């Protein structure tokens, strides 16, 4: 990806694998207006050309924070109108992120608080450092989660647990996040990124159309009744039948070699 940003660091790891780093370590990678613009531009680019990407890993710069949430120093003294304009930008960025056909894995290397926790919840799944911490603290500040937190968290941990987390604003550990199903794997801090990249590479090596269609079938199927979800799955499945990748997959299996998927 040939793009440079003020608040993000984007590293092309080859073969469609991209490392996306939230890059404001001096303020615990807090989200300011510019980061909202940068995230929107990044995910708009991914969504506009999904064949160019196969998997994205998102993490935070430094070793203390994934993202501390909204930049409250920037927000100090904002008028209601300015606040709402900024939040609309964040909403657009979250919609672009959530709508990404390309899988996104979160490597949660430190604190993921408030909007930072909501960014983590937008990822398809999470690996976390054993020292990471999570919280949705908005109600302690007179607001509430507004970047998908009230929707994504219950889908990850269940309604009752989500209510406890959101209504108390109380932080919780990476171990608790793992026990509750929010995090897929816990890692020592110094191996987190390598472990996440290894999984991302495995995804990137698979047939990209198959990966995208399976992701859509899971995500949207969960929002339907079972019969409708099963029908949606078959529609997604049928998209693969006429592809070169489907033929390559079967040929490589029978020829006992690694497949060479091209995304078509």
C-alpha atoms as a PDB file:
ATOM      1  CA  UNK A   1       0.000   0.000   0.000  1.00  0.00           C
ATOM      2  CA  UNK A   2       1.652   3.202  -1.203  1.00  0.00           C
ATOM      3  CA  UNK A   3       0.158   5.606   1.342  1.00  0.00           C
ATOM      4  CA  UNK A   4       1.645   7.702   4.140  1.00  0.00           C
ATOM      5  CA  UNK A   5      -0.296   9.130   7.061  1.00  0.00           C
ATOM      6  CA  UNK A   6       0.270  11.542   9.894  1.00  0.00           C
ATOM      7  CA  UNK A   7      -1.160   9.245  12.597  1.00  0.00           C
ATOM      8  CA  UNK A   8      -0.814   5.774  11.073  1.00  0.00           C
ATOM      9  CA  UNK A   9       2.146   3.718   9.998  1.00  0.00           C
ATOM     10  CA  UNK A  10       1.404   1.303   7.171  1.00  0.00           C
ATOM     11  CA  UNK A  11       3.891  -1.480   6.412  1.00  0.00           C
ATOM     12  CA  UNK A  12       3.560  -3.719   3.366  1.00  0.00           C
ATOM     13  CA  UNK A  13       4.669  -7.190   4.451  1.00  0.00           C
ATOM     14  CA  UNK A  14       4.292  -8.683   0.991  1.00  0.00           C
ATOM     15  CA  UNK A  15       1.774 -10.995  -0.666  1.00  0.00           C
ATOM     16  CA  UNK A  16      -1.181  -8.849   0.397  1.00  0.00           C
ATOM     17  CA  UNK A  17      -0.305  -8.738   4.116  1.00  0.00           C
ATOM     18  CA  UNK A  18      -0.368  -5.259   5.700  1.00  0.00           C
ATOM     19  CA  UNK A  19       0.652  -4.116   9.182  1.00  0.00           C
ATOM     20  CA  UNK A  20      -1.352  -1.077  10.333  1.00  0.00           C
ATOM     21  CA  UNK A  21       0.088   0.743  13.362  1.00  0.00           C
ATOM     22  CA  UNK A  22      -1.792   3.417  15.305  1.00  0.00           C
ATOM     23  CA  UNK A  23       1.094   5.849  15.586  1.00  0.00           C
ATOM     24  CA  UNK A  24       0.673   8.487  18.289  1.00  0.00           C
ATOM     25  CA  UNK A  25       2.712   6.864  21.079  1.00  0.00           C
ATOM     26  CA  UNK A  26       3.298  10.189  22.858  1.00  0.00           C
ATOM     27  CA  UNK A  27      -0.433  10.231  23.760  1.00  0.00           C
ATOM     28  CA  UNK A  28      -1.008   6.467  24.089  1.00  0.00           C
ATOM     29  CA  UNK A  29      -2.171   6.363  20.439  1.00  0.00           C
ATOM     30  CA  UNK A  30      -5.310   8.325  21.325  1.00  0.00           C
ATOM     31  CA  UNK A  31      -7.637   9.086  18.425  1.00  0.00           C
ATOM     32  CA  UNK A  32      -7.711  12.697  17.319  1.00  0.00           C
ATOM     33  CA  UNK A  33      -9.494  14.196  14.328  1.00  0.00           C
ATOM     34  CA  UNK A  34      -6.550  13.485  12.043  1.00  0.00           C
ATOM     35  CA  UNK A  35      -6.515   9.807  13.024  1.00  0.00           C
ATOM     36  CA  UNK A  36     -10.201   9.664  12.139  1.00  0.00           C
ATOM     37  CA  UNK A  37      -9.390  11.066   8.695  1.00  0.00           C
ATOM     38  CA  UNK A  38      -6.474   8.678   8.263  1.00  0.00           C
ATOM     39  CA  UNK A  39      -8.441   5.576   9.282  1.00  0.00           C
ATOM     40  CA  UNK A  40     -11.275   6.555   6.948  1.00  0.00           C
ATOM     41  CA  UNK A  41      -8.867   7.020   4.050  1.00  0.00           C
ATOM     42  CA  UNK A  42      -7.050   3.758   4.774  1.00  0.00           C
ATOM     43  CA  UNK A  43     -10.160   1.596   4.931  1.00  0.00           C
ATOM     44  CA  UNK A  44     -11.775   3.379   1.986  1.00  0.00           C
ATOM     45  CA  UNK A  45      -8.685   2.426  -0.027  1.00  0.00           C
ATOM     46  CA  UNK A  46      -8.897  -1.204   1.143  1.00  0.00           C
ATOM     47  CA  UNK A  47     -12.616  -1.410   0.427  1.00  0.00           C
ATOM     48  CA  UNK A  48     -12.140   0.156  -2.996  1.00  0.00           C
ATOM     49  CA  UNK A  49      -9.516  -2.392  -4.072  1.00  0.00           C
ATOM     50  CA  UNK A  50      -9.913  -5.516  -1.913  1.00  0.00           C
ATOM     51  CA  UNK A  51      -8.051  -7.730  -4.381  1.00  0.00           C
ATOM     52  CA  UNK A  52      -4.849  -5.874  -3.468  1.00  0.00           C
ATOM     53  CA  UNK A  53      -4.991  -7.051   0.160  1.00  0.00           C
ATOM     54  CA  UNK A  54      -5.347 -10.410   1.861  1.00  0.00           C
ATOM     55  CA  UNK A  55      -5.040  -9.700   5.588  1.00  0.00           C
ATOM     56  CA  UNK A  56      -4.429  -6.689   7.849  1.00  0.00           C
ATOM     57  CA  UNK A  57      -2.883  -6.702  11.322  1.00  0.00           C
ATOM     58  CA  UNK A  58      -3.692  -3.676  13.493  1.00  0.00           C
ATOM     59  CA  UNK A  59      -1.613  -2.754  16.536  1.00  0.00           C
ATOM     60  CA  UNK A  60      -0.422   0.285  18.475  1.00  0.00           C
ATOM     61  CA  UNK A  61       2.973   1.979  18.472  1.00  0.00           C
ATOM     62  CA  UNK A  62       5.073   1.446  21.574  1.00  0.00           C
ATOM     63  CA  UNK A  63       4.632  -1.150  24.283  1.00  0.00           C
ATOM     64  CA  UNK A  64       2.149   0.528  26.640  1.00  0.00           C
ATOM     65  CA  UNK A  65      -1.017   1.200  24.658  1.00  0.00           C
ATOM     66  CA  UNK A  66      -2.990  -0.104  21.728  1.00  0.00           C
ATOM     67  CA  UNK A  67      -5.219   2.974  21.839  1.00  0.00           C
ATOM     68  CA  UNK A  68      -6.360   5.034  24.828  1.00  0.00           C
ATOM     69  CA  UNK A  69      -9.566   6.172  23.098  1.00  0.00           C
ATOM     70  CA  UNK A  70     -10.519   9.654  22.012  1.00  0.00           C
ATOM     71  CA  UNK A  71      -7.991  12.446  22.525  1.00  0.00           C
ATOM     72  CA  UNK A  72      -9.674  14.292  25.400  1.00  0.00           C
ATOM     73  CA  UNK A  73      -7.141  17.128  25.322  1.00  0.00           C
ATOM     74  CA  UNK A  74      -8.193  17.899  21.755  1.00  0.00           C
ATOM     75  CA  UNK A  75     -11.833  17.668  22.797  1.00  0.00           C
ATOM     76  CA  UNK A  76     -11.456  20.058  25.749  1.00  0.00           C
ATOM     77  CA  UNK A  77     -13.512  23.167  25.018  1.00  0.00           C
ATOM     78  CA  UNK A  78     -15.083  21.807  21.815  1.00  0.00           C
ATOM     79  CA  UNK A  79     -18.503  23.216  21.047  1.00  0.00           C
ATOM     80  CA  UNK A  80     -21.374  20.750  20.718  1.00  0.00           C
ATOM     81  CA  UNK A  81     -21.351  21.297  16.967  1.00  0.00           C
ATOM     82  CA  UNK A  82     -17.599  20.687  16.638  1.00  0.00           C
ATOM     83  CA  UNK A  83     -17.861  17.557  18.799  1.00  0.00           C
ATOM     84  CA  UNK A  84     -20.646  16.148  16.621  1.00  0.00           C
ATOM     85  CA  UNK A  85     -18.772  16.935  13.417  1.00  0.00           C
ATOM     86  CA  UNK A  86     -15.725  15.109  14.756  1.00  0.00           C
ATOM     87  CA  UNK A  87     -17.820  12.160  15.885  1.00  0.00           C
ATOM     88  CA  UNK A  88     -19.436  11.905  12.468  1.00  0.00           C
ATOM     89  CA  UNK A  89     -15.936  11.499  11.057  1.00  0.00           C
ATOM     90  CA  UNK A  90     -15.243   8.724  13.585  1.00  0.00           C
ATOM     91  CA  UNK A  91     -18.559   7.068  12.657  1.00  0.00           C
ATOM     92  CA  UNK A  92     -17.618   7.073   8.978  1.00  0.00           C
ATOM     93  CA  UNK A  93     -14.202   5.575   9.775  1.00  0.00           C
ATOM     94  CA  UNK A  94     -15.791   2.832  11.892  1.00  0.00           C
ATOM     95  CA  UNK A  95     -18.299   1.992   9.151  1.00  0.00           C
ATOM     96  CA  UNK A  96     -15.469   1.722   6.616  1.00  0.00           C
ATOM     97  CA  UNK A  97     -13.474  -0.439   9.057  1.00  0.00           C
ATOM     98  CA  UNK A  98     -16.423  -2.696   9.898  1.00  0.00           C
ATOM     99  CA  UNK A  99     -17.300  -3.056   6.223  1.00  0.00           C
ATOM    100  CA  UNK A 100     -13.836  -4.211   5.190  1.00  0.00           C
ATOM    101  CA  UNK A 101     -14.020  -7.407   3.127  1.00  0.00           C
ATOM    102  CA  UNK A 102     -10.377  -8.049   4.053  1.00  0.00           C
ATOM    103  CA  UNK A 103      -9.835  -9.758   7.437  1.00  0.00           C
ATOM    104  CA  UNK A 104      -8.375  -7.569  10.192  1.00  0.00           C
ATOM    105  CA  UNK A 105      -6.637  -9.125  13.209  1.00  0.00           C
ATOM    106  CA  UNK A 106      -5.995  -6.969  16.259  1.00  0.00           C
ATOM    107  CA  UNK A 107      -2.656  -7.354  18.071  1.00  0.00           C
ATOM    108  CA  UNK A 108      -3.555  -5.662  21.354  1.00  0.00           C
ATOM    109  CA  UNK A 109      -0.198  -4.690  22.799  1.00  0.00           C
ATOM    110  CA  UNK A 110      -1.371  -2.553  25.730  1.00  0.00           C
ATOM    111  CA  UNK A 111      -4.286  -0.507  27.003  1.00  0.00           C
ATOM    112  CA  UNK A 112      -7.380  -0.582  24.769  1.00  0.00           C
ATOM    113  CA  UNK A 113      -9.706   1.885  26.445  1.00  0.00           C
ATOM    114  CA  UNK A 114     -12.955   3.528  25.348  1.00  0.00           C
ATOM    115  CA  UNK A 115     -12.731   4.207  21.600  1.00  0.00           C
ATOM    116  CA  UNK A 116      -9.570   2.104  21.520  1.00  0.00           C
ATOM    117  CA  UNK A 117     -11.524  -0.862  22.838  1.00  0.00           C
ATOM    118  CA  UNK A 118     -14.165  -0.143  20.196  1.00  0.00           C
ATOM    119  CA  UNK A 119     -11.485  -0.224  17.492  1.00  0.00           C
ATOM    120  CA  UNK A 120     -10.356  -3.597  18.843  1.00  0.00           C
ATOM    121  CA  UNK A 121     -13.963  -4.839  18.755  1.00  0.00           C
ATOM    122  CA  UNK A 122     -14.168  -3.962  15.046  1.00  0.00           C
ATOM    123  CA  UNK A 123     -11.379  -6.440  14.283  1.00  0.00           C
ATOM    124  CA  UNK A 124     -12.394  -9.898  13.133  1.00  0.00           C
ATOM    125  CA  UNK A 125     -10.566 -11.389  16.093  1.00  0.00           C
ATOM    126  CA  UNK A 126      -7.912 -10.454  18.631  1.00  0.00           C
ATOM    127  CA  UNK A 127      -4.613 -11.650  20.000  1.00  0.00           C
ATOM    128  CA  UNK A 128      -3.502  -9.785  23.115  1.00  0.00           C
ATOM    129  CA  UNK A 129      -0.407  -9.348  25.226  1.00  0.00           C
ATOM    130  CA  UNK A 130      -0.809 -10.877  28.662  1.00  0.00           C
ATOM    131  CA  UNK A 131      -0.284  -7.378  30.066  1.00  0.00           C
ATOM    132  CA  UNK A 132      -3.002  -5.706  27.987  1.00  0.00           C
ATOM    133  CA  UNK A 133      -5.969  -4.010  29.640  1.00  0.00           C
ATOM    134  CA  UNK A 134      -9.432  -3.239  28.276  1.00  0.00           C
ATOM    135  CA  UNK A 135     -12.228  -0.871  29.271  1.00  0.00           C
ATOM    136  CA  UNK A 136     -15.214   1.000  27.911  1.00  0.00           C
ATOM    137  CA  UNK A 137     -15.075   4.037  30.196  1.00  0.00           C
ATOM    138  CA  UNK A 138     -17.449   6.382  28.388  1.00  0.00           C
ATOM    139  CA  UNK A 139     -20.174   6.465  31.062  1.00  0.00           C
ATOM    140  CA  UNK A 140     -17.595   7.786  33.553  1.00  0.00           C
ATOM    141  CA  UNK A 141     -17.205  10.817  31.265  1.00  0.00           C
ATOM    142  CA  UNK A 142     -20.858  11.629  30.669  1.00  0.00           C
ATOM    143  CA  UNK A 143     -21.107   9.915  27.288  1.00  0.00           C
ATOM    144  CA  UNK A 144     -21.511   6.310  26.091  1.00  0.00           C
ATOM    145  CA  UNK A 145     -19.818   4.069  23.526  1.00  0.00           C
ATOM    146  CA  UNK A 146     -20.573   5.500  20.108  1.00  0.00           C
ATOM    147  CA  UNK A 147     -18.258   3.597  17.772  1.00  0.00           C
ATOM    148  CA  UNK A 148     -20.005   0.241  17.825  1.00  0.00           C
ATOM    149  CA  UNK A 149     -19.221  -0.731  21.408  1.00  0.00           C
ATOM    150  CA  UNK A 150     -22.816  -1.346  22.505  1.00  0.00           C
ATOM    151  CA  UNK A 151     -23.323  -3.602  19.481  1.00  0.00           C
ATOM    152  CA  UNK A 152     -20.012  -5.420  19.040  1.00  0.00           C
ATOM    153  CA  UNK A 153     -19.280  -6.141  22.699  1.00  0.00           C
ATOM    154  CA  UNK A 154     -22.544  -8.056  23.421  1.00  0.00           C
ATOM    155  CA  UNK A 155     -21.946 -10.098  20.282  1.00  0.00           C
ATOM    156  CA  UNK A 156     -18.518 -11.041  21.639  1.00  0.00           C
ATOM    157  CA  UNK A 157     -19.194 -11.636  25.344  1.00  0.00           C
ATOM    158  CA  UNK A 158     -22.982 -11.798  25.698  1.00  0.00           C
ATOM    159  CA  UNK A 159     -25.547  -9.217  26.776  1.00  0.00           C
ATOM    160  CA  UNK A 160     -25.198  -9.544  30.543  1.00  0.00           C
ATOM    161  CA  UNK A 161     -21.397  -9.346  30.591  1.00  0.00           C
ATOM    162  CA  UNK A 162     -21.482  -6.422  28.144  1.00  0.00           C
ATOM    163  CA  UNK A 163     -23.887  -4.520  30.383  1.00  0.00           C
ATOM    164  CA  UNK A 164     -21.581  -4.996  33.365  1.00  0.00           C
ATOM    165  CA  UNK A 165     -18.540  -3.797  31.393  1.00  0.00           C
ATOM    166  CA  UNK A 166     -20.233  -0.772  29.824  1.00  0.00           C
ATOM    167  CA  UNK A 167     -22.384   0.379  32.732  1.00  0.00           C
ATOM    168  CA  UNK A 168     -19.568   0.220  35.291  1.00  0.00           C
ATOM    169  CA  UNK A 169     -16.780   1.499  33.036  1.00  0.00           C
ATOM    170  CA  UNK A 170     -14.479  -0.777  35.015  1.00  0.00           C
ATOM    171  CA  UNK A 171     -11.223  -1.954  33.366  1.00  0.00           C
ATOM    172  CA  UNK A 172     -10.583  -5.663  32.910  1.00  0.00           C
ATOM    173  CA  UNK A 173      -7.516  -7.739  32.230  1.00  0.00           C
ATOM    174  CA  UNK A 174      -6.384  -9.591  29.128  1.00  0.00           C
ATOM    175  CA  UNK A 175      -6.984 -12.845  31.001  1.00  0.00           C
ATOM    176  CA  UNK A 176     -10.588 -11.843  31.691  1.00  0.00           C
ATOM    177  CA  UNK A 177     -10.998 -10.802  28.053  1.00  0.00           C
ATOM    178  CA  UNK A 178      -9.757 -14.241  27.028  1.00  0.00           C
ATOM    179  CA  UNK A 179     -11.981 -16.060  29.515  1.00  0.00           C
ATOM    180  CA  UNK A 180     -15.035 -14.128  28.289  1.00  0.00           C
ATOM    181  CA  UNK A 181     -14.372 -14.834  24.599  1.00  0.00           C
ATOM    182  CA  UNK A 182     -13.296 -11.320  23.586  1.00  0.00           C
ATOM    183  CA  UNK A 183      -9.689 -12.361  22.899  1.00  0.00           C
ATOM    184  CA  UNK A 184      -8.675 -15.476  20.946  1.00  0.00           C
ATOM    185  CA  UNK A 185      -5.128 -15.888  22.234  1.00  0.00           C
ATOM    186  CA  UNK A 186      -2.894 -14.480  24.965  1.00  0.00           C
ATOM    187  CA  UNK A 187       0.797 -14.006  24.210  1.00  0.00           C
ATOM    188  CA  UNK A 188       3.874 -12.797  26.047  1.00  0.00           C
ATOM    189  CA  UNK A 189       4.341  -9.148  25.032  1.00  0.00           C
ATOM    190  CA  UNK A 190       7.551  -9.836  23.126  1.00  0.00           C
ATOM    191  CA  UNK A 191       5.958 -12.549  20.965  1.00  0.00           C
ATOM    192  CA  UNK A 192       2.553 -10.954  20.348  1.00  0.00           C
ATOM    193  CA  UNK A 193       3.254  -9.397  16.978  1.00  0.00           C
ATOM    194  CA  UNK A 194       5.084 -12.437  15.629  1.00  0.00           C
ATOM    195  CA  UNK A 195       2.218 -14.726  16.659  1.00  0.00           C
ATOM    196  CA  UNK A 196      -0.362 -12.418  15.101  1.00  0.00           C
ATOM    197  CA  UNK A 197       1.610 -12.050  11.887  1.00  0.00           C
ATOM    198  CA  UNK A 198       2.007 -15.824  11.655  1.00  0.00           C
ATOM    199  CA  UNK A 199      -1.772 -16.263  11.745  1.00  0.00           C
ATOM    200  CA  UNK A 200      -2.257 -13.371   9.324  1.00  0.00           C
ATOM    201  CA  UNK A 201       0.217 -14.963   6.927  1.00  0.00           C
ATOM    202  CA  UNK A 202      -1.719 -18.214   7.080  1.00  0.00           C
ATOM    203  CA  UNK A 203      -4.925 -16.344   6.172  1.00  0.00           C
ATOM    204  CA  UNK A 204      -3.136 -14.422   3.423  1.00  0.00           C
ATOM    205  CA  UNK A 205      -1.931 -17.704   1.901  1.00  0.00           C
ATOM    206  CA  UNK A 206      -5.498 -18.961   1.478  1.00  0.00           C
ATOM    207  CA  UNK A 207      -7.762 -18.228  -1.486  1.00  0.00           C
ATOM    208  CA  UNK A 208      -8.694 -14.529  -1.042  1.00  0.00           C
ATOM    209  CA  UNK A 209     -12.177 -14.755  -2.555  1.00  0.00           C
ATOM    210  CA  UNK A 210     -12.919 -17.739  -0.321  1.00  0.00           C
ATOM    211  CA  UNK A 211     -11.688 -15.858   2.760  1.00  0.00           C
ATOM    212  CA  UNK A 212     -13.773 -12.772   1.953  1.00  0.00           C
ATOM    213  CA  UNK A 213     -16.919 -14.765   1.222  1.00  0.00           C
ATOM    214  CA  UNK A 214     -16.546 -16.850   4.390  1.00  0.00           C
ATOM    215  CA  UNK A 215     -16.046 -13.691   6.459  1.00  0.00           C
ATOM    216  CA  UNK A 216     -19.213 -12.159   4.997  1.00  0.00           C
ATOM    217  CA  UNK A 217     -21.215 -15.357   5.507  1.00  0.00           C
ATOM    218  CA  UNK A 218     -20.254 -15.507   9.192  1.00  0.00           C
ATOM    219  CA  UNK A 219     -20.766 -11.812   9.907  1.00  0.00           C
ATOM    220  CA  UNK A 220     -24.039 -11.250   8.092  1.00  0.00           C
ATOM    221  CA  UNK A 221     -25.404 -14.744   8.733  1.00  0.00           C
ATOM    222  CA  UNK A 222     -25.303 -14.090  12.480  1.00  0.00           C
ATOM    223  CA  UNK A 223     -27.711 -11.208  11.897  1.00  0.00           C
ATOM    224  CA  UNK A 224     -30.298 -13.487  10.241  1.00  0.00           C
ATOM    225  CA  UNK A 225     -32.457 -16.388  11.308  1.00  0.00           C
ATOM    226  CA  UNK A 226     -30.830 -19.776  10.702  1.00  0.00           C
ATOM    227  CA  UNK A 227     -32.718 -20.613   7.503  1.00  0.00           C
ATOM    228  CA  UNK A 228     -31.873 -17.244   5.938  1.00  0.00           C
ATOM    229  CA  UNK A 229     -28.269 -17.607   7.058  1.00  0.00           C
ATOM    230  CA  UNK A 230     -28.018 -21.003   5.406  1.00  0.00           C
ATOM    231  CA  UNK A 231     -29.365 -19.549   2.155  1.00  0.00           C
ATOM    232  CA  UNK A 232     -26.898 -16.637   2.410  1.00  0.00           C
ATOM    233  CA  UNK A 233     -24.072 -19.138   2.906  1.00  0.00           C
ATOM    234  CA  UNK A 234     -24.965 -21.002  -0.288  1.00  0.00           C
ATOM    235  CA  UNK A 235     -25.070 -17.749  -2.261  1.00  0.00           C
ATOM    236  CA  UNK A 236     -21.599 -16.952  -0.908  1.00  0.00           C
ATOM    237  CA  UNK A 237     -20.406 -20.484  -1.700  1.00  0.00           C
ATOM    238  CA  UNK A 238     -21.634 -20.355  -5.297  1.00  0.00           C
ATOM    239  CA  UNK A 239     -19.410 -17.324  -5.892  1.00  0.00           C
ATOM    240  CA  UNK A 240     -16.382 -19.643  -5.681  1.00  0.00           C
ATOM    241  CA  UNK A 241     -17.505 -22.330  -8.141  1.00  0.00           C
ATOM    242  CA  UNK A 242     -16.520 -20.495 -11.374  1.00  0.00           C
ATOM    243  CA  UNK A 243     -13.234 -19.055 -10.038  1.00  0.00           C
ATOM    244  CA  UNK A 244      -9.718 -19.910 -11.137  1.00  0.00           C
ATOM    245  CA  UNK A 245      -8.786 -20.263  -7.480  1.00  0.00           C
ATOM    246  CA  UNK A 246     -11.310 -23.072  -6.968  1.00  0.00           C
ATOM    247  CA  UNK A 247      -9.830 -24.982  -9.901  1.00  0.00           C
ATOM    248  CA  UNK A 248      -6.289 -24.254  -8.687  1.00  0.00           C
ATOM    249  CA  UNK A 249      -7.131 -25.500  -5.200  1.00  0.00           C
ATOM    250  CA  UNK A 250      -8.397 -28.845  -6.454  1.00  0.00           C
ATOM    251  CA  UNK A 251      -5.528 -29.208  -8.929  1.00  0.00           C
ATOM    252  CA  UNK A 252      -2.863 -28.438  -6.328  1.00  0.00           C
ATOM    253  CA  UNK A 253      -4.369 -30.953  -3.891  1.00  0.00           C
ATOM    254  CA  UNK A 254      -4.269 -33.717  -6.483  1.00  0.00           C
ATOM    255  CA  UNK A 255      -0.790 -32.719  -7.657  1.00  0.00           C
ATOM    256  CA  UNK A 256       0.461 -32.593  -4.034  1.00  0.00           C
ATOM    257  CA  UNK A 257       1.814 -29.030  -4.255  1.00  0.00           C
ATOM    258  CA  UNK A 258       1.148 -25.688  -2.631  1.00  0.00           C
ATOM    259  CA  UNK A 259      -1.677 -23.775  -4.382  1.00  0.00           C
ATOM    260  CA  UNK A 260      -0.999 -20.471  -6.144  1.00  0.00           C
ATOM    261  CA  UNK A 261      -4.109 -18.411  -5.537  1.00  0.00           C
ATOM    262  CA  UNK A 262      -4.608 -15.261  -7.604  1.00  0.00           C
ATOM    263  CA  UNK A 263      -7.904 -13.915  -6.308  1.00  0.00           C
ATOM    264  CA  UNK A 264      -9.848 -14.607  -9.457  1.00  0.00           C
END
